[in-house]
Amino acid sequence: LYTSLDREVRYKAKAFIDTAVYRFGDLSSAWMVALLSSAGVALAGFALIGIGVATAISRVGFLAGSAHEARVAGIRDKDKQPALVAQPASPPA
């Protein structure tokens, strides 16, 4: 997903994802397990919830991939269009 971005943006986005997103995911999953365990959810309940979460994450990944493909296709289409050439100004009448 980073290929359509310039180098600096890729570097900053990767650093953000590596720290904030992954750590938040670890924290939220630990809280969810503790919350569901205290609510008395059994192992089968965890499996069903996991299936739902995996489905949602898959959908987000698919949408992000589709948006990336559209962005890359738009960049390629711009490259194929002829460049506009400025016309010389006509002399005053």
PDB file of N, CA and C in Angstrom:
ATOM      1  N   LEU A   1       0.807  -1.197   0.000  1.00  0.00           N
ATOM      2  CA  LEU A   1       0.000   0.000   0.000  1.00  0.00           C
ATOM      3  C   LEU A   1       0.847   1.257   0.000  1.00  0.00           C
ATOM      4  N   TYR A   2       2.106   1.114   0.300  1.00  0.00           N
ATOM      5  CA  TYR A   2       2.957   2.289   0.391  1.00  0.00           C
ATOM      6  C   TYR A   2       3.554   2.703  -0.951  1.00  0.00           C
ATOM      7  N   THR A   3       3.439   1.898  -1.972  1.00  0.00           N
ATOM      8  CA  THR A   3       4.182   2.146  -3.202  1.00  0.00           C
ATOM      9  C   THR A   3       3.755   3.400  -3.933  1.00  0.00           C
ATOM     10  N   SER A   4       2.541   3.882  -3.712  1.00  0.00           N
ATOM     11  CA  SER A   4       2.099   5.076  -4.423  1.00  0.00           C
ATOM     12  C   SER A   4       2.417   6.354  -3.651  1.00  0.00           C
ATOM     13  N   LEU A   5       3.141   6.242  -2.561  1.00  0.00           N
ATOM     14  CA  LEU A   5       3.503   7.397  -1.747  1.00  0.00           C
ATOM     15  C   LEU A   5       4.983   7.710  -1.913  1.00  0.00           C
ATOM     16  N   ASP A   6       5.340   8.955  -1.601  1.00  0.00           N
ATOM     17  CA  ASP A   6       6.757   9.287  -1.691  1.00  0.00           C
ATOM     18  C   ASP A   6       7.505   8.727  -0.476  1.00  0.00           C
ATOM     19  N   ARG A   7       8.801   8.787  -0.529  1.00  0.00           N
ATOM     20  CA  ARG A   7       9.647   8.106   0.459  1.00  0.00           C
ATOM     21  C   ARG A   7       9.427   8.616   1.883  1.00  0.00           C
ATOM     22  N   GLU A   8       9.332   9.925   2.063  1.00  0.00           N
ATOM     23  CA  GLU A   8       9.179  10.487   3.403  1.00  0.00           C
ATOM     24  C   GLU A   8       7.846  10.080   4.031  1.00  0.00           C
ATOM     25  N   VAL A   9       6.781  10.120   3.246  1.00  0.00           N
ATOM     26  CA  VAL A   9       5.467   9.733   3.762  1.00  0.00           C
ATOM     27  C   VAL A   9       5.449   8.251   4.122  1.00  0.00           C
ATOM     28  N   ARG A  10       6.070   7.419   3.291  1.00  0.00           N
ATOM     29  CA  ARG A  10       6.164   5.985   3.595  1.00  0.00           C
ATOM     30  C   ARG A  10       6.888   5.756   4.913  1.00  0.00           C
ATOM     31  N   TYR A  11       7.984   6.456   5.119  1.00  0.00           N
ATOM     32  CA  TYR A  11       8.780   6.291   6.331  1.00  0.00           C
ATOM     33  C   TYR A  11       7.965   6.675   7.564  1.00  0.00           C
ATOM     34  N   LYS A  12       7.283   7.819   7.503  1.00  0.00           N
ATOM     35  CA  LYS A  12       6.496   8.274   8.647  1.00  0.00           C
ATOM     36  C   LYS A  12       5.298   7.367   8.899  1.00  0.00           C
ATOM     37  N   ALA A  13       4.634   6.928   7.844  1.00  0.00           N
ATOM     38  CA  ALA A  13       3.468   6.057   8.011  1.00  0.00           C
ATOM     39  C   ALA A  13       3.881   4.717   8.602  1.00  0.00           C
ATOM     40  N   LYS A  14       4.985   4.174   8.141  1.00  0.00           N
ATOM     41  CA  LYS A  14       5.438   2.880   8.664  1.00  0.00           C
ATOM     42  C   LYS A  14       5.804   2.995  10.139  1.00  0.00           C
ATOM     43  N   ALA A  15       6.452   4.073  10.515  1.00  0.00           N
ATOM     44  CA  ALA A  15       6.811   4.265  11.921  1.00  0.00           C
ATOM     45  C   ALA A  15       5.555   4.376  12.786  1.00  0.00           C
ATOM     46  N   PHE A  16       4.555   5.098  12.298  1.00  0.00           N
ATOM     47  CA  PHE A  16       3.304   5.237  13.048  1.00  0.00           C
ATOM     48  C   PHE A  16       2.606   3.887  13.190  1.00  0.00           C
ATOM     49  N   ILE A  17       2.512   3.153  12.097  1.00  0.00           N
ATOM     50  CA  ILE A  17       1.832   1.857  12.137  1.00  0.00           C
ATOM     51  C   ILE A  17       2.572   0.891  13.054  1.00  0.00           C
ATOM     52  N   ASP A  18       3.895   0.866  12.954  1.00  0.00           N
ATOM     53  CA  ASP A  18       4.682  -0.058  13.775  1.00  0.00           C
ATOM     54  C   ASP A  18       4.532   0.218  15.265  1.00  0.00           C
ATOM     55  N   THR A  19       4.365   1.461  15.646  1.00  0.00           N
ATOM     56  CA  THR A  19       4.269   1.760  17.076  1.00  0.00           C
ATOM     57  C   THR A  19       2.820   1.860  17.533  1.00  0.00           C
ATOM     58  N   ALA A  20       2.106   2.833  17.047  1.00  0.00           N
ATOM     59  CA  ALA A  20       0.774   3.123  17.578  1.00  0.00           C
ATOM     60  C   ALA A  20      -0.249   2.043  17.253  1.00  0.00           C
ATOM     61  N   VAL A  21      -0.354   1.650  16.016  1.00  0.00           N
ATOM     62  CA  VAL A  21      -1.416   0.721  15.616  1.00  0.00           C
ATOM     63  C   VAL A  21      -1.196  -0.659  16.223  1.00  0.00           C
ATOM     64  N   TYR A  22       0.006  -1.201  16.129  1.00  0.00           N
ATOM     65  CA  TYR A  22       0.259  -2.534  16.681  1.00  0.00           C
ATOM     66  C   TYR A  22       0.117  -2.555  18.197  1.00  0.00           C
ATOM     67  N   ARG A  23       0.620  -1.538  18.856  1.00  0.00           N
ATOM     68  CA  ARG A  23       0.528  -1.521  20.320  1.00  0.00           C
ATOM     69  C   ARG A  23      -0.916  -1.347  20.774  1.00  0.00           C
ATOM     70  N   PHE A  24      -1.673  -0.513  20.056  1.00  0.00           N
ATOM     71  CA  PHE A  24      -3.087  -0.363  20.391  1.00  0.00           C
ATOM     72  C   PHE A  24      -3.830  -1.674  20.161  1.00  0.00           C
ATOM     73  N   GLY A  25      -3.483  -2.393  19.118  1.00  0.00           N
ATOM     74  CA  GLY A  25      -4.105  -3.690  18.858  1.00  0.00           C
ATOM     75  C   GLY A  25      -3.824  -4.684  19.966  1.00  0.00           C
ATOM     76  N   ASP A  26      -2.595  -4.726  20.426  1.00  0.00           N
ATOM     77  CA  ASP A  26      -2.243  -5.624  21.536  1.00  0.00           C
ATOM     78  C   ASP A  26      -3.006  -5.250  22.804  1.00  0.00           C
ATOM     79  N   LEU A  27      -3.051  -3.961  23.097  1.00  0.00           N
ATOM     80  CA  LEU A  27      -3.732  -3.490  24.297  1.00  0.00           C
ATOM     81  C   LEU A  27      -5.228  -3.772  24.229  1.00  0.00           C
ATOM     82  N   SER A  28      -5.847  -3.455  23.103  1.00  0.00           N
ATOM     83  CA  SER A  28      -7.294  -3.657  22.995  1.00  0.00           C
ATOM     84  C   SER A  28      -7.660  -5.138  23.020  1.00  0.00           C
ATOM     85  N   SER A  29      -6.837  -5.990  22.444  1.00  0.00           N
ATOM     86  CA  SER A  29      -7.147  -7.427  22.500  1.00  0.00           C
ATOM     87  C   SER A  29      -7.011  -7.957  23.927  1.00  0.00           C
ATOM     88  N   ALA A  30      -6.032  -7.485  24.670  1.00  0.00           N
ATOM     89  CA  ALA A  30      -5.887  -7.911  26.069  1.00  0.00           C
ATOM     90  C   ALA A  30      -7.084  -7.450  26.896  1.00  0.00           C
ATOM     91  N   TRP A  31      -7.522  -6.209  26.680  1.00  0.00           N
ATOM     92  CA  TRP A  31      -8.699  -5.709  27.393  1.00  0.00           C
ATOM     93  C   TRP A  31      -9.948  -6.502  27.018  1.00  0.00           C
ATOM     94  N   MET A  32     -10.085  -6.833  25.741  1.00  0.00           N
ATOM     95  CA  MET A  32     -11.264  -7.567  25.287  1.00  0.00           C
ATOM     96  C   MET A  32     -11.307  -8.966  25.904  1.00  0.00           C
ATOM     97  N   VAL A  33     -10.171  -9.633  25.964  1.00  0.00           N
ATOM     98  CA  VAL A  33     -10.126 -10.962  26.590  1.00  0.00           C
ATOM     99  C   VAL A  33     -10.500 -10.859  28.065  1.00  0.00           C
ATOM    100  N   ALA A  34      -9.960  -9.865  28.766  1.00  0.00           N
ATOM    101  CA  ALA A  34     -10.285  -9.697  30.182  1.00  0.00           C
ATOM    102  C   ALA A  34     -11.763  -9.373  30.371  1.00  0.00           C
ATOM    103  N   LEU A  35     -12.303  -8.516  29.536  1.00  0.00           N
ATOM    104  CA  LEU A  35     -13.713  -8.129  29.639  1.00  0.00           C
ATOM    105  C   LEU A  35     -14.634  -9.313  29.360  1.00  0.00           C
ATOM    106  N   LEU A  36     -14.351 -10.039  28.291  1.00  0.00           N
ATOM    107  CA  LEU A  36     -15.200 -11.176  27.939  1.00  0.00           C
ATOM    108  C   LEU A  36     -15.075 -12.308  28.954  1.00  0.00           C
ATOM    109  N   SER A  37     -13.878 -12.510  29.482  1.00  0.00           N
ATOM    110  CA  SER A  37     -13.696 -13.544  30.510  1.00  0.00           C
ATOM    111  C   SER A  37     -14.483 -13.200  31.768  1.00  0.00           C
ATOM    112  N   SER A  38     -14.449 -11.924  32.161  1.00  0.00           N
ATOM    113  CA  SER A  38     -15.199 -11.520  33.351  1.00  0.00           C
ATOM    114  C   SER A  38     -16.705 -11.574  33.110  1.00  0.00           C
ATOM    115  N   ALA A  39     -17.129 -11.481  31.846  1.00  0.00           N
ATOM    116  CA  ALA A  39     -18.553 -11.586  31.517  1.00  0.00           C
ATOM    117  C   ALA A  39     -18.995 -13.038  31.398  1.00  0.00           C
ATOM    118  N   GLY A  40     -18.063 -13.976  31.507  1.00  0.00           N
ATOM    119  CA  GLY A  40     -18.409 -15.388  31.476  1.00  0.00           C
ATOM    120  C   GLY A  40     -18.512 -15.986  30.089  1.00  0.00           C
ATOM    121  N   VAL A  41     -17.884 -15.368  29.113  1.00  0.00           N
ATOM    122  CA  VAL A  41     -17.917 -15.898  27.750  1.00  0.00           C
ATOM    123  C   VAL A  41     -17.027 -17.134  27.680  1.00  0.00           C
ATOM    124  N   ALA A  42     -17.556 -18.200  27.085  1.00  0.00           N
ATOM    125  CA  ALA A  42     -16.820 -19.462  26.975  1.00  0.00           C
ATOM    126  C   ALA A  42     -15.907 -19.439  25.752  1.00  0.00           C
ATOM    127  N   LEU A  43     -15.147 -20.500  25.594  1.00  0.00           N
ATOM    128  CA  LEU A  43     -14.199 -20.611  24.485  1.00  0.00           C
ATOM    129  C   LEU A  43     -14.893 -20.508  23.129  1.00  0.00           C
ATOM    130  N   ALA A  44     -16.065 -21.101  22.994  1.00  0.00           N
ATOM    131  CA  ALA A  44     -16.810 -21.023  21.729  1.00  0.00           C
ATOM    132  C   ALA A  44     -17.201 -19.574  21.425  1.00  0.00           C
ATOM    133  N   GLY A  45     -17.515 -18.816  22.451  1.00  0.00           N
ATOM    134  CA  GLY A  45     -17.845 -17.400  22.268  1.00  0.00           C
ATOM    135  C   GLY A  45     -16.656 -16.613  21.752  1.00  0.00           C
ATOM    136  N   PHE A  46     -15.475 -16.911  22.293  1.00  0.00           N
ATOM    137  CA  PHE A  46     -14.261 -16.263  21.795  1.00  0.00           C
ATOM    138  C   PHE A  46     -14.035 -16.587  20.326  1.00  0.00           C
ATOM    139  N   ALA A  47     -14.302 -17.825  19.938  1.00  0.00           N
ATOM    140  CA  ALA A  47     -14.119 -18.230  18.538  1.00  0.00           C
ATOM    141  C   ALA A  47     -15.073 -17.467  17.625  1.00  0.00           C
ATOM    142  N   LEU A  48     -16.327 -17.348  18.027  1.00  0.00           N
ATOM    143  CA  LEU A  48     -17.299 -16.620  17.202  1.00  0.00           C
ATOM    144  C   LEU A  48     -16.943 -15.139  17.090  1.00  0.00           C
ATOM    145  N   ILE A  49     -16.530 -14.557  18.195  1.00  0.00           N
ATOM    146  CA  ILE A  49     -16.119 -13.151  18.160  1.00  0.00           C
ATOM    147  C   ILE A  49     -14.882 -12.990  17.283  1.00  0.00           C
ATOM    148  N   GLY A  50     -13.958 -13.932  17.382  1.00  0.00           N
ATOM    149  CA  GLY A  50     -12.754 -13.894  16.544  1.00  0.00           C
ATOM    150  C   GLY A  50     -13.082 -13.972  15.067  1.00  0.00           C
ATOM    151  N   ILE A  51     -14.061 -14.798  14.719  1.00  0.00           N
ATOM    152  CA  ILE A  51     -14.478 -14.893  13.313  1.00  0.00           C
ATOM    153  C   ILE A  51     -15.044 -13.558  12.837  1.00  0.00           C
ATOM    154  N   GLY A  52     -15.848 -12.927  13.667  1.00  0.00           N
ATOM    155  CA  GLY A  52     -16.413 -11.622  13.303  1.00  0.00           C
ATOM    156  C   GLY A  52     -15.344 -10.555  13.134  1.00  0.00           C
ATOM    157  N   VAL A  53     -14.399 -10.525  14.060  1.00  0.00           N
ATOM    158  CA  VAL A  53     -13.311  -9.545  13.974  1.00  0.00           C
ATOM    159  C   VAL A  53     -12.447  -9.808  12.744  1.00  0.00           C
ATOM    160  N   ALA A  54     -12.142 -11.066  12.472  1.00  0.00           N
ATOM    161  CA  ALA A  54     -11.334 -11.406  11.296  1.00  0.00           C
ATOM    162  C   ALA A  54     -12.047 -11.012  10.008  1.00  0.00           C
ATOM    163  N   THR A  55     -13.358 -11.203   9.969  1.00  0.00           N
ATOM    164  CA  THR A  55     -14.137 -10.802   8.795  1.00  0.00           C
ATOM    165  C   THR A  55     -14.085  -9.290   8.603  1.00  0.00           C
ATOM    166  N   ALA A  56     -14.236  -8.543   9.691  1.00  0.00           N
ATOM    167  CA  ALA A  56     -14.187  -7.084   9.599  1.00  0.00           C
ATOM    168  C   ALA A  56     -12.809  -6.609   9.144  1.00  0.00           C
ATOM    169  N   ILE A  57     -11.757  -7.189   9.690  1.00  0.00           N
ATOM    170  CA  ILE A  57     -10.405  -6.799   9.299  1.00  0.00           C
ATOM    171  C   ILE A  57     -10.136  -7.154   7.841  1.00  0.00           C
ATOM    172  N   SER A  58     -10.639  -8.289   7.397  1.00  0.00           N
ATOM    173  CA  SER A  58     -10.481  -8.674   5.987  1.00  0.00           C
ATOM    174  C   SER A  58     -11.171  -7.679   5.072  1.00  0.00           C
ATOM    175  N   ARG A  59     -12.344  -7.232   5.461  1.00  0.00           N
ATOM    176  CA  ARG A  59     -13.091  -6.247   4.660  1.00  0.00           C
ATOM    177  C   ARG A  59     -12.317  -4.932   4.578  1.00  0.00           C
ATOM    178  N   VAL A  60     -11.791  -4.484   5.693  1.00  0.00           N
ATOM    179  CA  VAL A  60     -11.001  -3.249   5.694  1.00  0.00           C
ATOM    180  C   VAL A  60      -9.776  -3.404   4.798  1.00  0.00           C
ATOM    181  N   GLY A  61      -9.110  -4.546   4.868  1.00  0.00           N
ATOM    182  CA  GLY A  61      -7.951  -4.798   4.012  1.00  0.00           C
ATOM    183  C   GLY A  61      -8.315  -4.802   2.544  1.00  0.00           C
ATOM    184  N   PHE A  62      -9.445  -5.407   2.205  1.00  0.00           N
ATOM    185  CA  PHE A  62      -9.901  -5.428   0.817  1.00  0.00           C
ATOM    186  C   PHE A  62     -10.191  -4.013   0.323  1.00  0.00           C
ATOM    187  N   LEU A  63     -10.876  -3.213   1.142  1.00  0.00           N
ATOM    188  CA  LEU A  63     -11.187  -1.837   0.744  1.00  0.00           C
ATOM    189  C   LEU A  63      -9.918  -0.997   0.601  1.00  0.00           C
ATOM    190  N   ALA A  64      -8.967  -1.194   1.504  1.00  0.00           N
ATOM    191  CA  ALA A  64      -7.707  -0.457   1.404  1.00  0.00           C
ATOM    192  C   ALA A  64      -6.945  -0.860   0.145  1.00  0.00           C
ATOM    193  N   GLY A  65      -6.938  -2.148  -0.175  1.00  0.00           N
ATOM    194  CA  GLY A  65      -6.278  -2.613  -1.396  1.00  0.00           C
ATOM    195  C   GLY A  65      -6.942  -2.070  -2.645  1.00  0.00           C
ATOM    196  N   SER A  66      -8.269  -2.019  -2.650  1.00  0.00           N
ATOM    197  CA  SER A  66      -8.995  -1.471  -3.801  1.00  0.00           C
ATOM    198  C   SER A  66      -8.701   0.015  -3.974  1.00  0.00           C
ATOM    199  N   ALA A  67      -8.658   0.748  -2.865  1.00  0.00           N
ATOM    200  CA  ALA A  67      -8.346   2.175  -2.941  1.00  0.00           C
ATOM    201  C   ALA A  67      -6.928   2.386  -3.456  1.00  0.00           C
ATOM    202  N   HIS A  68      -6.012   1.548  -3.026  1.00  0.00           N
ATOM    203  CA  HIS A  68      -4.626   1.649  -3.488  1.00  0.00           C
ATOM    204  C   HIS A  68      -4.535   1.379  -4.986  1.00  0.00           C
ATOM    205  N   GLU A  69      -5.205   0.336  -5.452  1.00  0.00           N
ATOM    206  CA  GLU A  69      -5.184   0.027  -6.886  1.00  0.00           C
ATOM    207  C   GLU A  69      -5.767   1.170  -7.704  1.00  0.00           C
ATOM    208  N   ALA A  70      -6.833   1.790  -7.206  1.00  0.00           N
ATOM    209  CA  ALA A  70      -7.424   2.924  -7.917  1.00  0.00           C
ATOM    210  C   ALA A  70      -6.457   4.103  -7.949  1.00  0.00           C
ATOM    211  N   ARG A  71      -5.751   4.337  -6.840  1.00  0.00           N
ATOM    212  CA  ARG A  71      -4.792   5.439  -6.790  1.00  0.00           C
ATOM    213  C   ARG A  71      -3.646   5.201  -7.766  1.00  0.00           C
ATOM    214  N   VAL A  72      -3.126   3.979  -7.790  1.00  0.00           N
ATOM    215  CA  VAL A  72      -2.024   3.650  -8.696  1.00  0.00           C
ATOM    216  C   VAL A  72      -2.492   3.743 -10.143  1.00  0.00           C
ATOM    217  N   ALA A  73      -3.705   3.280 -10.431  1.00  0.00           N
ATOM    218  CA  ALA A  73      -4.241   3.379 -11.791  1.00  0.00           C
ATOM    219  C   ALA A  73      -4.402   4.839 -12.196  1.00  0.00           C
ATOM    220  N   GLY A  74      -4.819   5.692 -11.269  1.00  0.00           N
ATOM    221  CA  GLY A  74      -4.945   7.118 -11.554  1.00  0.00           C
ATOM    222  C   GLY A  74      -3.606   7.755 -11.853  1.00  0.00           C
ATOM    223  N   ILE A  75      -2.573   7.338 -11.135  1.00  0.00           N
ATOM    224  CA  ILE A  75      -1.227   7.861 -11.387  1.00  0.00           C
ATOM    225  C   ILE A  75      -0.757   7.419 -12.764  1.00  0.00           C
ATOM    226  N   ARG A  76      -1.009   6.171 -13.110  1.00  0.00           N
ATOM    227  CA  ARG A  76      -0.599   5.665 -14.425  1.00  0.00           C
ATOM    228  C   ARG A  76      -1.350   6.372 -15.542  1.00  0.00           C
ATOM    229  N   ASP A  77      -2.651   6.643 -15.335  1.00  0.00           N
ATOM    230  CA  ASP A  77      -3.432   7.335 -16.355  1.00  0.00           C
ATOM    231  C   ASP A  77      -2.903   8.748 -16.576  1.00  0.00           C
ATOM    232  N   LYS A  78      -2.474   9.403 -15.497  1.00  0.00           N
ATOM    233  CA  LYS A  78      -1.913  10.748 -15.644  1.00  0.00           C
ATOM    234  C   LYS A  78      -0.628  10.706 -16.455  1.00  0.00           C
ATOM    235  N   ASP A  79       0.165   9.655 -16.273  1.00  0.00           N
ATOM    236  CA  ASP A  79       1.420   9.528 -17.010  1.00  0.00           C
ATOM    237  C   ASP A  79       1.175   9.298 -18.494  1.00  0.00           C
ATOM    238  N   LYS A  80       0.057   8.685 -18.858  1.00  0.00           N
ATOM    239  CA  LYS A  80      -0.228   8.384 -20.256  1.00  0.00           C
ATOM    240  C   LYS A  80      -0.784   9.588 -21.013  1.00  0.00           C
ATOM    241  N   GLN A  81      -1.336  10.562 -20.299  1.00  0.00           N
ATOM    242  CA  GLN A  81      -1.918  11.719 -20.964  1.00  0.00           C
ATOM    243  C   GLN A  81      -0.805  12.611 -21.490  1.00  0.00           C
ATOM    244  N   PRO A  82      -1.019  13.190 -22.685  1.00  0.00           N
ATOM    245  CA  PRO A  82       0.008  14.085 -23.211  1.00  0.00           C
ATOM    246  C   PRO A  82       0.119  15.340 -22.350  1.00  0.00           C
ATOM    247  N   ALA A  83       1.319  15.820 -22.218  1.00  0.00           N
ATOM    248  CA  ALA A  83       1.545  17.020 -21.424  1.00  0.00           C
ATOM    249  C   ALA A  83       1.000  18.229 -22.163  1.00  0.00           C
ATOM    250  N   LEU A  84       0.460  19.160 -21.411  1.00  0.00           N
ATOM    251  CA  LEU A  84      -0.027  20.388 -22.022  1.00  0.00           C
ATOM    252  C   LEU A  84       1.170  21.282 -22.324  1.00  0.00           C
ATOM    253  N   VAL A  85       1.225  21.758 -23.547  1.00  0.00           N
ATOM    254  CA  VAL A  85       2.321  22.621 -23.963  1.00  0.00           C
ATOM    255  C   VAL A  85       1.777  24.028 -24.079  1.00  0.00           C
ATOM    256  N   ALA A  86       2.460  24.953 -23.450  1.00  0.00           N
ATOM    257  CA  ALA A  86       2.014  26.347 -23.512  1.00  0.00           C
ATOM    258  C   ALA A  86       2.195  26.879 -24.926  1.00  0.00           C
ATOM    259  N   GLN A  87       1.182  27.549 -25.417  1.00  0.00           N
ATOM    260  CA  GLN A  87       1.241  28.155 -26.743  1.00  0.00           C
ATOM    261  C   GLN A  87       1.888  29.529 -26.617  1.00  0.00           C
ATOM    262  N   PRO A  88       2.718  29.889 -27.594  1.00  0.00           N
ATOM    263  CA  PRO A  88       3.318  31.226 -27.526  1.00  0.00           C
ATOM    264  C   PRO A  88       2.236  32.291 -27.656  1.00  0.00           C
ATOM    265  N   ALA A  89       2.460  33.373 -26.956  1.00  0.00           N
ATOM    266  CA  ALA A  89       1.485  34.472 -26.997  1.00  0.00           C
ATOM    267  C   ALA A  89       1.516  35.125 -28.372  1.00  0.00           C
ATOM    268  N   SER A  90       0.336  35.492 -28.860  1.00  0.00           N
ATOM    269  CA  SER A  90       0.279  36.177 -30.156  1.00  0.00           C
ATOM    270  C   SER A  90       0.643  37.645 -29.943  1.00  0.00           C
ATOM    271  N   PRO A  91       1.265  38.244 -30.952  1.00  0.00           N
ATOM    272  CA  PRO A  91       1.657  39.651 -30.800  1.00  0.00           C
ATOM    273  C   PRO A  91       0.419  40.540 -30.689  1.00  0.00           C
ATOM    274  N   PRO A  92       0.543  41.637 -29.964  1.00  0.00           N
ATOM    275  CA  PRO A  92      -0.613  42.537 -29.811  1.00  0.00           C
ATOM    276  C   PRO A  92      -1.019  43.119 -31.168  1.00  0.00           C
ATOM    277  N   ALA A  93      -2.293  43.343 -31.346  1.00  0.00           N
ATOM    278  CA  ALA A  93      -2.797  43.854 -32.624  1.00  0.00           C
ATOM    279  C   ALA A  93      -2.739  45.341 -32.714  1.00  0.00           C
TER     280      ALA A  93
END
